[in-house]
Structure formats: C-alpha cells, structure tokens
Amino acid sequence: MIRVAGLEDVDHIGRLLHAFNTEYDDPTPSPAQLAERFRTLLDLDTSVLLGGGGPDAIAVLRFRPSIWSEALECYLAELYVVPPLRGRGIGRALLEAAIEHARERGADHMDLGTSEDDVAARALYESLGFINRERAGGPITYFYEREL
C-alpha cells in the first residue's frame, strides 16, 4: 500500500527520516523538528510517498522547474524502508509509485544520488532504468555540497 502523504502524516515523515539518518550515522534534526519542517515543504515543492502499514517506508520528492524543457524536474531526495521489511519489494513498489507520481505532477526527469557502497539501492535504481553515467561510459561526475 503506497500513498501520498498529507499534513496529517508529518509525524510519520519525521519518524522515518530520523530513523534513516540515525541508521547511517548522519546528523539529523529530531523527529518533531523534521515533522515541523514538512508542514511547510508539503505546501511548496515537495511530495512524500509512504508505504506499508506503519507506515514503514518513505520516498521524498523535490520538484523544480527545468532549464531544458517546460516540464518539471524531480529529485528523489530520500528513499527508505525500515530494516526488518527490506527485501520484500516495498522499496521497488515505492520507487515505481514515486516515478508515476512525478509524471503526474508534470516532471519529465528524475535524478537521485546514492553512495557507492549501497549496492542494493544501486541495483534497484538501475533495474528501474536509472543510468549511472560513469558505468555507461560517461565521465566521472562528482557531487559537492557546502554549508552556507
């Protein structure tokens, strides 16, 4: 069961994103702080899809106008399934629903980032048509970030 989250789901969003960041030892705001942030983001440029009965899985999609076409671009900011439920197809169903949702919102492009060591995520993305430009013979690209 995959559904688009609404404002009534911000506590679930905060809980899942906090669990995701904690699992990978990334710095994270508290679940309550994340929930509050999504009260604003859901009204702007962000969609969240939830999966499972808990819910137990989340996809966060950020939309932006494209330079290259009149459509939107979609950035898959997060995709997470709680550890005990991995390997059951929830991540695949969630990503397929995210792709369809992005199309419905008017996007014609989706991009994402993942780490080299997340082999399962990379296999999922590639199985659904995402291209790793380096492995496809393109130049190595680098992702940079900086706090301002």
N, C-alpha and C. Protein backbone atom coordinates (compact mmCIF):
# COMPACT_ATOMS: atom_id res chain seq x y z
N MET A 1 0.84 -1.18 0.00
CA MET A 1 0.00 0.00 0.00
C MET A 1 0.89 1.25 0.00
N ILE A 2 0.85 2.00 -1.08
CA ILE A 2 1.62 3.23 -1.21
C ILE A 2 0.62 4.38 -1.32
N ARG A 3 0.90 5.46 -0.61
CA ARG A 3 0.00 6.61 -0.69
C ARG A 3 0.80 7.91 -0.58
N VAL A 4 0.20 8.97 -1.09
CA VAL A 4 0.80 10.30 -0.98
C VAL A 4 0.49 10.84 0.40
N ALA A 5 1.52 11.33 1.08
CA ALA A 5 1.35 11.86 2.43
C ALA A 5 0.70 13.23 2.40
N GLY A 6 -0.04 13.51 3.45
CA GLY A 6 -0.62 14.83 3.66
C GLY A 6 -0.11 15.42 4.96
N LEU A 7 -0.61 16.58 5.29
CA LEU A 7 -0.17 17.25 6.52
C LEU A 7 -0.42 16.40 7.77
N GLU A 8 -1.43 15.55 7.72
CA GLU A 8 -1.72 14.68 8.86
C GLU A 8 -0.64 13.62 9.06
N ASP A 9 0.29 13.48 8.12
CA ASP A 9 1.34 12.46 8.18
C ASP A 9 2.71 13.00 8.59
N VAL A 10 2.81 14.27 8.93
CA VAL A 10 4.14 14.83 9.18
C VAL A 10 4.87 14.13 10.33
N ASP A 11 4.15 13.62 11.32
CA ASP A 11 4.83 12.90 12.40
C ASP A 11 5.45 11.59 11.88
N HIS A 12 4.76 10.90 10.98
CA HIS A 12 5.33 9.69 10.37
C HIS A 12 6.56 10.05 9.54
N ILE A 13 6.47 11.14 8.78
CA ILE A 13 7.60 11.59 7.96
C ILE A 13 8.80 11.87 8.85
N GLY A 14 8.60 12.62 9.92
CA GLY A 14 9.69 12.93 10.84
C GLY A 14 10.31 11.69 11.44
N ARG A 15 9.47 10.74 11.86
CA ARG A 15 9.96 9.50 12.46
C ARG A 15 10.80 8.71 11.47
N LEU A 16 10.31 8.54 10.25
CA LEU A 16 11.02 7.73 9.26
C LEU A 16 12.33 8.39 8.81
N LEU A 17 12.31 9.69 8.58
CA LEU A 17 13.54 10.36 8.16
C LEU A 17 14.58 10.38 9.27
N HIS A 18 14.13 10.53 10.50
CA HIS A 18 15.06 10.48 11.63
C HIS A 18 15.68 9.09 11.74
N ALA A 19 14.87 8.05 11.57
CA ALA A 19 15.39 6.68 11.62
C ALA A 19 16.40 6.44 10.50
N PHE A 20 16.11 6.94 9.32
CA PHE A 20 17.00 6.79 8.17
C PHE A 20 18.36 7.43 8.48
N ASN A 21 18.35 8.68 8.89
CA ASN A 21 19.60 9.38 9.18
C ASN A 21 20.35 8.73 10.33
N THR A 22 19.64 8.30 11.35
CA THR A 22 20.28 7.66 12.50
C THR A 22 20.93 6.34 12.09
N GLU A 23 20.24 5.57 11.25
CA GLU A 23 20.78 4.29 10.81
C GLU A 23 22.13 4.46 10.11
N TYR A 24 22.27 5.53 9.34
CA TYR A 24 23.51 5.76 8.60
C TYR A 24 24.45 6.75 9.28
N ASP A 25 24.20 7.00 10.56
CA ASP A 25 25.05 7.88 11.38
C ASP A 25 25.19 9.27 10.78
N ASP A 26 24.15 9.74 10.11
CA ASP A 26 24.14 11.11 9.59
C ASP A 26 23.52 12.03 10.64
N PRO A 27 24.00 13.27 10.70
CA PRO A 27 23.38 14.21 11.63
C PRO A 27 21.91 14.40 11.25
N THR A 28 21.06 14.56 12.23
CA THR A 28 19.64 14.67 11.95
C THR A 28 18.94 15.53 12.99
N PRO A 29 18.01 16.34 12.53
CA PRO A 29 17.12 17.01 13.49
C PRO A 29 16.26 15.94 14.18
N SER A 30 15.58 16.32 15.22
CA SER A 30 14.68 15.40 15.91
C SER A 30 13.48 15.08 15.01
N PRO A 31 12.78 13.99 15.30
CA PRO A 31 11.57 13.69 14.53
C PRO A 31 10.58 14.85 14.56
N ALA A 32 10.43 15.51 15.70
CA ALA A 32 9.49 16.63 15.81
C ALA A 32 9.94 17.81 14.93
N GLN A 33 11.24 18.08 14.90
CA GLN A 33 11.74 19.17 14.05
C GLN A 33 11.53 18.85 12.57
N LEU A 34 11.77 17.61 12.19
CA LEU A 34 11.54 17.21 10.81
C LEU A 34 10.06 17.32 10.45
N ALA A 35 9.20 16.88 11.36
CA ALA A 35 7.76 16.97 11.12
C ALA A 35 7.35 18.42 10.90
N GLU A 36 7.86 19.30 11.71
CA GLU A 36 7.53 20.73 11.56
C GLU A 36 8.02 21.27 10.23
N ARG A 37 9.20 20.87 9.82
CA ARG A 37 9.74 21.33 8.54
C ARG A 37 8.84 20.89 7.38
N PHE A 38 8.32 19.67 7.46
CA PHE A 38 7.49 19.16 6.38
C PHE A 38 6.10 19.80 6.36
N ARG A 39 5.70 20.43 7.43
CA ARG A 39 4.45 21.20 7.38
C ARG A 39 4.56 22.30 6.32
N THR A 40 5.74 22.86 6.18
CA THR A 40 5.98 23.89 5.16
C THR A 40 6.28 23.27 3.80
N LEU A 41 7.16 22.28 3.76
CA LEU A 41 7.61 21.72 2.49
C LEU A 41 6.48 21.09 1.69
N LEU A 42 5.53 20.45 2.35
CA LEU A 42 4.44 19.81 1.62
C LEU A 42 3.56 20.82 0.90
N ASP A 43 3.60 22.07 1.34
CA ASP A 43 2.83 23.12 0.65
C ASP A 43 3.64 23.82 -0.42
N LEU A 44 4.92 23.49 -0.55
CA LEU A 44 5.78 24.17 -1.52
C LEU A 44 6.09 23.26 -2.70
N ASP A 45 7.25 22.65 -2.66
CA ASP A 45 7.77 21.92 -3.81
C ASP A 45 8.06 20.45 -3.53
N THR A 46 7.46 19.90 -2.50
CA THR A 46 7.83 18.57 -2.05
C THR A 46 6.61 17.66 -1.97
N SER A 47 6.80 16.42 -2.42
CA SER A 47 5.81 15.37 -2.22
C SER A 47 6.47 14.26 -1.43
N VAL A 48 5.70 13.61 -0.59
CA VAL A 48 6.18 12.45 0.16
C VAL A 48 5.23 11.30 -0.10
N LEU A 49 5.79 10.14 -0.39
CA LEU A 49 5.00 8.92 -0.51
C LEU A 49 5.35 8.03 0.65
N LEU A 50 4.35 7.40 1.23
CA LEU A 50 4.53 6.49 2.35
C LEU A 50 4.09 5.10 1.95
N GLY A 51 4.78 4.10 2.46
CA GLY A 51 4.45 2.72 2.15
C GLY A 51 4.38 1.88 3.41
N GLY A 52 3.59 0.82 3.34
CA GLY A 52 3.46 -0.09 4.46
C GLY A 52 2.46 0.41 5.48
N GLY A 53 2.13 -0.47 6.41
CA GLY A 53 1.08 -0.17 7.38
C GLY A 53 1.48 0.74 8.51
N GLY A 54 2.78 0.88 8.77
CA GLY A 54 3.25 1.65 9.92
C GLY A 54 3.08 3.15 9.90
N PRO A 55 3.33 3.88 8.83
CA PRO A 55 4.00 3.42 7.62
C PRO A 55 5.45 3.03 7.90
N ASP A 56 5.99 2.25 6.97
CA ASP A 56 7.31 1.65 7.16
C ASP A 56 8.32 2.03 6.09
N ALA A 57 7.91 2.87 5.15
CA ALA A 57 8.80 3.26 4.05
C ALA A 57 8.42 4.66 3.58
N ILE A 58 9.41 5.36 3.03
CA ILE A 58 9.19 6.75 2.63
C ILE A 58 10.01 7.08 1.38
N ALA A 59 9.41 7.89 0.54
CA ALA A 59 10.12 8.50 -0.59
C ALA A 59 9.83 9.99 -0.54
N VAL A 60 10.87 10.79 -0.61
CA VAL A 60 10.74 12.25 -0.60
C VAL A 60 11.14 12.76 -1.97
N LEU A 61 10.24 13.49 -2.62
CA LEU A 61 10.44 14.02 -3.96
C LEU A 61 10.43 15.54 -3.92
N ARG A 62 11.47 16.15 -4.49
CA ARG A 62 11.55 17.62 -4.58
C ARG A 62 11.41 18.00 -6.05
N PHE A 63 10.57 18.97 -6.34
CA PHE A 63 10.30 19.39 -7.72
C PHE A 63 10.87 20.78 -7.96
N ARG A 64 11.36 20.99 -9.19
CA ARG A 64 11.91 22.29 -9.58
C ARG A 64 11.66 22.49 -11.07
N PRO A 65 11.52 23.73 -11.49
CA PRO A 65 11.37 23.99 -12.93
C PRO A 65 12.65 23.58 -13.66
N SER A 66 12.48 23.09 -14.86
CA SER A 66 13.61 22.65 -15.66
C SER A 66 14.15 23.79 -16.51
N ILE A 67 15.43 23.79 -16.72
CA ILE A 67 16.05 24.71 -17.67
C ILE A 67 15.85 24.19 -19.08
N TRP A 68 15.84 22.86 -19.25
CA TRP A 68 15.94 22.23 -20.55
C TRP A 68 14.59 21.91 -21.20
N SER A 69 13.52 21.95 -20.45
CA SER A 69 12.20 21.70 -21.02
C SER A 69 11.17 22.49 -20.21
N GLU A 70 9.96 22.48 -20.68
CA GLU A 70 8.91 23.18 -19.95
C GLU A 70 8.35 22.36 -18.80
N ALA A 71 8.79 21.13 -18.69
CA ALA A 71 8.35 20.24 -17.62
C ALA A 71 9.14 20.52 -16.34
N LEU A 72 8.73 19.86 -15.28
CA LEU A 72 9.47 19.92 -14.03
C LEU A 72 10.55 18.85 -14.01
N GLU A 73 11.53 19.04 -13.17
CA GLU A 73 12.50 18.00 -12.84
C GLU A 73 12.16 17.53 -11.43
N CYS A 74 12.42 16.28 -11.15
CA CYS A 74 12.15 15.71 -9.84
C CYS A 74 13.45 15.14 -9.28
N TYR A 75 13.75 15.51 -8.06
CA TYR A 75 14.91 14.96 -7.35
C TYR A 75 14.39 14.01 -6.29
N LEU A 76 14.80 12.75 -6.35
CA LEU A 76 14.45 11.79 -5.30
C LEU A 76 15.42 12.02 -4.15
N ALA A 77 14.96 12.77 -3.18
CA ALA A 77 15.84 13.18 -2.08
C ALA A 77 16.10 12.05 -1.10
N GLU A 78 15.09 11.22 -0.85
CA GLU A 78 15.23 10.12 0.11
C GLU A 78 14.36 8.96 -0.32
N LEU A 79 14.85 7.75 -0.10
CA LEU A 79 14.07 6.53 -0.26
C LEU A 79 14.52 5.60 0.86
N TYR A 80 13.59 5.20 1.72
CA TYR A 80 13.96 4.44 2.91
C TYR A 80 12.87 3.43 3.25
N VAL A 81 13.31 2.23 3.57
CA VAL A 81 12.44 1.17 4.08
C VAL A 81 13.04 0.71 5.40
N VAL A 82 12.23 0.55 6.43
CA VAL A 82 12.75 0.11 7.73
C VAL A 82 13.45 -1.24 7.55
N PRO A 83 14.55 -1.46 8.26
CA PRO A 83 15.37 -2.65 8.04
C PRO A 83 14.63 -3.99 8.09
N PRO A 84 13.72 -4.23 9.03
CA PRO A 84 13.09 -5.56 9.06
C PRO A 84 12.24 -5.90 7.83
N LEU A 85 11.87 -4.89 7.05
CA LEU A 85 10.99 -5.12 5.91
C LEU A 85 11.71 -5.05 4.56
N ARG A 86 13.00 -4.89 4.58
CA ARG A 86 13.77 -4.82 3.33
C ARG A 86 13.77 -6.19 2.65
N GLY A 87 13.88 -6.15 1.33
CA GLY A 87 13.91 -7.38 0.55
C GLY A 87 12.55 -7.96 0.24
N ARG A 88 11.48 -7.24 0.56
CA ARG A 88 10.12 -7.72 0.32
C ARG A 88 9.43 -6.99 -0.83
N GLY A 89 10.17 -6.12 -1.53
CA GLY A 89 9.58 -5.43 -2.67
C GLY A 89 8.95 -4.09 -2.34
N ILE A 90 9.03 -3.66 -1.08
CA ILE A 90 8.42 -2.39 -0.70
C ILE A 90 9.17 -1.22 -1.34
N GLY A 91 10.49 -1.28 -1.34
CA GLY A 91 11.29 -0.22 -1.96
C GLY A 91 11.00 -0.09 -3.44
N ARG A 92 10.89 -1.21 -4.13
CA ARG A 92 10.59 -1.20 -5.57
C ARG A 92 9.21 -0.59 -5.80
N ALA A 93 8.22 -1.04 -5.04
CA ALA A 93 6.86 -0.50 -5.20
C ALA A 93 6.83 0.99 -4.91
N LEU A 94 7.57 1.41 -3.90
CA LEU A 94 7.63 2.82 -3.54
C LEU A 94 8.29 3.65 -4.65
N LEU A 95 9.38 3.15 -5.20
CA LEU A 95 10.06 3.87 -6.27
C LEU A 95 9.21 3.91 -7.54
N GLU A 96 8.55 2.81 -7.87
CA GLU A 96 7.65 2.82 -9.03
C GLU A 96 6.53 3.84 -8.85
N ALA A 97 5.96 3.90 -7.65
CA ALA A 97 4.91 4.88 -7.35
C ALA A 97 5.47 6.29 -7.41
N ALA A 98 6.70 6.48 -6.95
CA ALA A 98 7.33 7.81 -6.99
C ALA A 98 7.52 8.27 -8.43
N ILE A 99 7.95 7.36 -9.30
CA ILE A 99 8.12 7.71 -10.71
C ILE A 99 6.78 8.12 -11.31
N GLU A 100 5.74 7.35 -11.04
CA GLU A 100 4.41 7.67 -11.57
C GLU A 100 3.90 9.00 -11.01
N HIS A 101 4.10 9.22 -9.72
CA HIS A 101 3.67 10.47 -9.09
C HIS A 101 4.39 11.66 -9.72
N ALA A 102 5.68 11.52 -9.97
CA ALA A 102 6.45 12.60 -10.59
C ALA A 102 5.90 12.91 -11.98
N ARG A 103 5.59 11.88 -12.75
CA ARG A 103 4.98 12.09 -14.07
C ARG A 103 3.65 12.83 -13.94
N GLU A 104 2.83 12.41 -12.98
CA GLU A 104 1.53 13.04 -12.78
C GLU A 104 1.66 14.51 -12.39
N ARG A 105 2.73 14.86 -11.68
CA ARG A 105 2.97 16.26 -11.30
C ARG A 105 3.60 17.07 -12.41
N GLY A 106 3.91 16.42 -13.53
CA GLY A 106 4.43 17.14 -14.69
C GLY A 106 5.93 17.08 -14.87
N ALA A 107 6.60 16.15 -14.20
CA ALA A 107 8.05 16.02 -14.36
C ALA A 107 8.37 15.11 -15.54
N ASP A 108 9.46 15.44 -16.23
CA ASP A 108 9.92 14.57 -17.31
C ASP A 108 11.34 14.05 -17.04
N HIS A 109 11.85 14.26 -15.85
CA HIS A 109 13.21 13.85 -15.49
C HIS A 109 13.25 13.62 -13.98
N MET A 110 13.94 12.55 -13.57
CA MET A 110 14.17 12.30 -12.14
C MET A 110 15.64 11.98 -11.95
N ASP A 111 16.23 12.59 -10.93
CA ASP A 111 17.61 12.27 -10.60
C ASP A 111 17.70 11.95 -9.11
N LEU A 112 18.79 11.31 -8.73
CA LEU A 112 19.00 10.91 -7.35
C LEU A 112 20.48 10.70 -7.12
N GLY A 113 20.85 10.55 -5.89
CA GLY A 113 22.22 10.23 -5.53
C GLY A 113 22.22 9.12 -4.50
N THR A 114 23.23 8.29 -4.54
CA THR A 114 23.40 7.24 -3.54
C THR A 114 24.88 6.96 -3.38
N SER A 115 25.24 6.28 -2.33
CA SER A 115 26.65 6.01 -2.10
C SER A 115 27.09 4.76 -2.85
N GLU A 116 28.36 4.70 -3.13
CA GLU A 116 28.93 3.58 -3.88
C GLU A 116 28.70 2.26 -3.16
N ASP A 117 28.73 2.28 -1.83
CA ASP A 117 28.62 1.02 -1.09
C ASP A 117 27.18 0.55 -0.88
N ASP A 118 26.19 1.34 -1.30
CA ASP A 118 24.79 0.92 -1.17
C ASP A 118 24.41 0.12 -2.42
N VAL A 119 24.92 -1.09 -2.48
CA VAL A 119 24.78 -1.94 -3.65
C VAL A 119 23.32 -2.29 -3.91
N ALA A 120 22.55 -2.56 -2.87
CA ALA A 120 21.14 -2.92 -3.06
C ALA A 120 20.36 -1.76 -3.66
N ALA A 121 20.59 -0.54 -3.17
CA ALA A 121 19.89 0.62 -3.72
C ALA A 121 20.29 0.85 -5.17
N ARG A 122 21.57 0.75 -5.46
CA ARG A 122 22.04 0.94 -6.83
C ARG A 122 21.42 -0.08 -7.77
N ALA A 123 21.32 -1.33 -7.34
CA ALA A 123 20.70 -2.37 -8.16
C ALA A 123 19.23 -2.05 -8.41
N LEU A 124 18.53 -1.59 -7.38
CA LEU A 124 17.13 -1.22 -7.54
C LEU A 124 16.98 -0.09 -8.55
N TYR A 125 17.76 0.96 -8.39
CA TYR A 125 17.66 2.11 -9.29
C TYR A 125 17.95 1.69 -10.74
N GLU A 126 19.00 0.93 -10.93
CA GLU A 126 19.37 0.51 -12.28
C GLU A 126 18.33 -0.42 -12.88
N SER A 127 17.69 -1.26 -12.06
CA SER A 127 16.67 -2.17 -12.57
C SER A 127 15.43 -1.42 -13.05
N LEU A 128 15.25 -0.20 -12.57
CA LEU A 128 14.10 0.61 -12.99
C LEU A 128 14.50 1.69 -14.00
N GLY A 129 15.68 1.53 -14.61
CA GLY A 129 16.05 2.39 -15.73
C GLY A 129 16.91 3.59 -15.40
N PHE A 130 17.30 3.77 -14.16
CA PHE A 130 18.21 4.87 -13.84
C PHE A 130 19.60 4.51 -14.36
N ILE A 131 20.29 5.49 -14.89
CA ILE A 131 21.60 5.27 -15.51
C ILE A 131 22.69 5.88 -14.64
N ASN A 132 23.68 5.07 -14.34
CA ASN A 132 24.89 5.54 -13.69
C ASN A 132 25.81 5.98 -14.81
N ARG A 133 25.97 7.27 -15.00
CA ARG A 133 26.72 7.79 -16.14
C ARG A 133 28.16 7.29 -16.20
N GLU A 134 28.79 7.10 -15.06
CA GLU A 134 30.17 6.63 -15.08
C GLU A 134 30.25 5.22 -15.66
N ARG A 135 29.35 4.34 -15.26
CA ARG A 135 29.36 2.96 -15.76
C ARG A 135 28.87 2.88 -17.19
N ALA A 136 28.15 3.89 -17.66
CA ALA A 136 27.64 3.89 -19.04
C ALA A 136 28.66 4.50 -20.00
N GLY A 137 29.87 4.73 -19.53
CA GLY A 137 30.92 5.25 -20.39
C GLY A 137 31.06 6.75 -20.36
N GLY A 138 30.30 7.40 -19.52
CA GLY A 138 30.40 8.85 -19.40
C GLY A 138 31.52 9.23 -18.45
N PRO A 139 31.79 10.51 -18.36
CA PRO A 139 32.85 10.96 -17.45
C PRO A 139 32.42 10.78 -15.99
N ILE A 140 33.40 10.62 -15.14
CA ILE A 140 33.11 10.56 -13.71
C ILE A 140 32.58 11.92 -13.28
N THR A 141 31.49 11.90 -12.53
CA THR A 141 30.94 13.14 -12.00
C THR A 141 31.09 13.14 -10.49
N TYR A 142 31.13 14.30 -9.94
CA TYR A 142 31.29 14.45 -8.51
C TYR A 142 30.13 15.26 -7.96
N PHE A 143 29.68 14.91 -6.78
CA PHE A 143 28.63 15.64 -6.10
C PHE A 143 29.30 16.42 -4.98
N TYR A 144 29.13 17.72 -4.99
CA TYR A 144 29.72 18.58 -3.96
C TYR A 144 28.61 19.21 -3.14
N GLU A 145 28.90 19.51 -1.91
CA GLU A 145 27.97 20.26 -1.08
C GLU A 145 28.76 21.14 -0.12
N ARG A 146 28.08 22.13 0.41
CA ARG A 146 28.71 23.05 1.32
C ARG A 146 27.66 23.74 2.15
N GLU A 147 27.91 23.90 3.42
CA GLU A 147 27.01 24.66 4.27
C GLU A 147 27.23 26.14 4.01
N LEU A 148 26.18 26.91 4.02
CA LEU A 148 26.28 28.35 3.81
C LEU A 148 25.95 29.12 5.06
